[in-house]
Amino acid sequence: MLDTKFDELMEFPNSFPFKVVGEAHETLAERVVSVVQQHAPGDYSPSTKVSSKGTYHSITIRVTVLSKEHVEILYVELAKIEGVKRVL
């Protein structure tokens, strides 16, 4: 898994914002929610921002994470979504 220090910097459970930047596509937010649902079921209302040229979408979604490993799994799985360039 990833070599992070989330366990040293955060207390769990924690409401954690993930920002997913990807190629502009009308289903990107739906795909992000679908991946999050697999690892942290719940009701999500992500926010979407479009880049100035309309080339990219930035999806922000707040997820209740239970552990360092939970955060790391979500980073890895969100990065696997087709068209995703960065997960912050």
Protein backbone atom coordinates (compact mmCIF):
# COMPACT_ATOMS: atom_id res chain seq x y z
CA MET A 1 0.00 0.00 0.00
CA LEU A 2 1.05 3.65 0.13
CA ASP A 3 3.61 4.94 2.61
CA THR A 4 1.59 7.76 4.21
CA LYS A 5 1.41 9.36 7.63
CA PHE A 6 -2.36 9.82 7.80
CA ASP A 7 -2.46 7.86 11.06
CA GLU A 8 -0.05 10.38 12.63
CA LEU A 9 -1.86 13.45 11.32
CA MET A 10 -5.54 12.52 11.68
CA GLU A 11 -7.93 10.93 14.11
CA PHE A 12 -10.37 8.34 12.82
CA PRO A 13 -13.17 8.21 11.87
CA ASN A 14 -12.75 11.46 9.93
CA SER A 15 -14.66 13.32 7.23
CA PHE A 16 -12.02 13.51 4.51
CA PRO A 17 -12.28 15.51 1.25
CA PHE A 18 -11.01 13.78 -1.88
CA LYS A 19 -10.49 15.86 -5.02
CA VAL A 20 -10.46 13.90 -8.26
CA VAL A 21 -9.24 15.71 -11.39
CA GLY A 22 -9.99 14.10 -14.71
CA GLU A 23 -10.80 14.61 -18.34
CA ALA A 24 -14.12 16.38 -18.80
CA HIS A 25 -16.85 13.78 -19.13
CA GLU A 26 -20.49 13.89 -18.09
CA THR A 27 -20.21 10.63 -16.11
CA LEU A 28 -16.99 11.37 -14.18
CA ALA A 29 -18.83 12.38 -10.98
CA GLU A 30 -21.03 9.26 -11.20
CA ARG A 31 -17.97 7.03 -11.58
CA VAL A 32 -16.30 8.71 -8.59
CA VAL A 33 -19.39 8.14 -6.43
CA SER A 34 -19.61 4.53 -7.61
CA VAL A 35 -16.04 3.79 -6.51
CA VAL A 36 -16.54 5.55 -3.17
CA GLN A 37 -19.77 3.59 -2.59
CA GLN A 38 -17.85 0.31 -2.93
CA HIS A 39 -15.55 1.25 -0.04
CA ALA A 40 -17.70 3.61 2.05
CA PRO A 41 -21.42 3.19 1.39
CA GLY A 42 -23.48 6.32 1.94
CA ASP A 43 -25.28 9.25 0.33
CA TYR A 44 -22.88 11.54 -1.52
CA SER A 45 -23.30 14.90 -3.21
CA PRO A 46 -19.99 15.67 -4.89
CA SER A 47 -19.29 19.15 -6.22
CA THR A 48 -17.96 19.61 -9.74
CA LYS A 49 -15.85 22.44 -11.11
CA VAL A 50 -14.99 22.78 -14.79
CA SER A 51 -11.58 24.05 -15.88
CA SER A 52 -11.40 27.40 -17.67
CA LYS A 53 -11.01 25.72 -21.07
CA GLY A 54 -13.52 23.00 -20.23
CA THR A 55 -10.92 20.27 -20.70
CA TYR A 56 -11.00 18.95 -17.13
CA HIS A 57 -13.46 18.41 -14.31
CA SER A 58 -12.55 18.58 -10.65
CA ILE A 59 -14.81 16.47 -8.43
CA THR A 60 -14.71 17.04 -4.67
CA ILE A 61 -16.33 14.42 -2.46
CA ARG A 62 -16.26 14.21 1.33
CA VAL A 63 -16.00 10.66 2.68
CA THR A 64 -16.03 9.36 6.26
CA VAL A 65 -12.84 7.33 6.45
CA LEU A 66 -12.21 4.83 9.23
CA SER A 67 -8.44 4.33 9.10
CA LYS A 68 -5.20 5.19 7.34
CA GLU A 69 -5.67 2.10 5.19
CA HIS A 70 -9.17 3.21 4.24
CA VAL A 71 -7.80 6.55 2.95
CA GLU A 72 -5.04 4.79 1.02
CA ILE A 73 -7.44 2.31 -0.60
CA LEU A 74 -9.68 5.14 -1.76
CA TYR A 75 -6.72 7.05 -3.26
CA VAL A 76 -5.62 3.96 -5.18
CA GLU A 77 -9.10 2.99 -6.39
CA LEU A 78 -10.09 6.54 -7.40
CA ALA A 79 -6.87 6.86 -9.41
CA LYS A 80 -7.87 3.76 -11.42
CA ILE A 81 -10.97 5.46 -12.87
CA GLU A 82 -10.63 5.92 -16.62
CA GLY A 83 -9.70 9.51 -17.49
CA VAL A 84 -8.58 10.47 -13.98
CA LYS A 85 -5.34 12.47 -13.97
CA ARG A 86 -4.88 13.22 -10.24
CA VAL A 87 -6.40 12.38 -6.86
CA LEU A 88 -5.67 14.96 -4.20
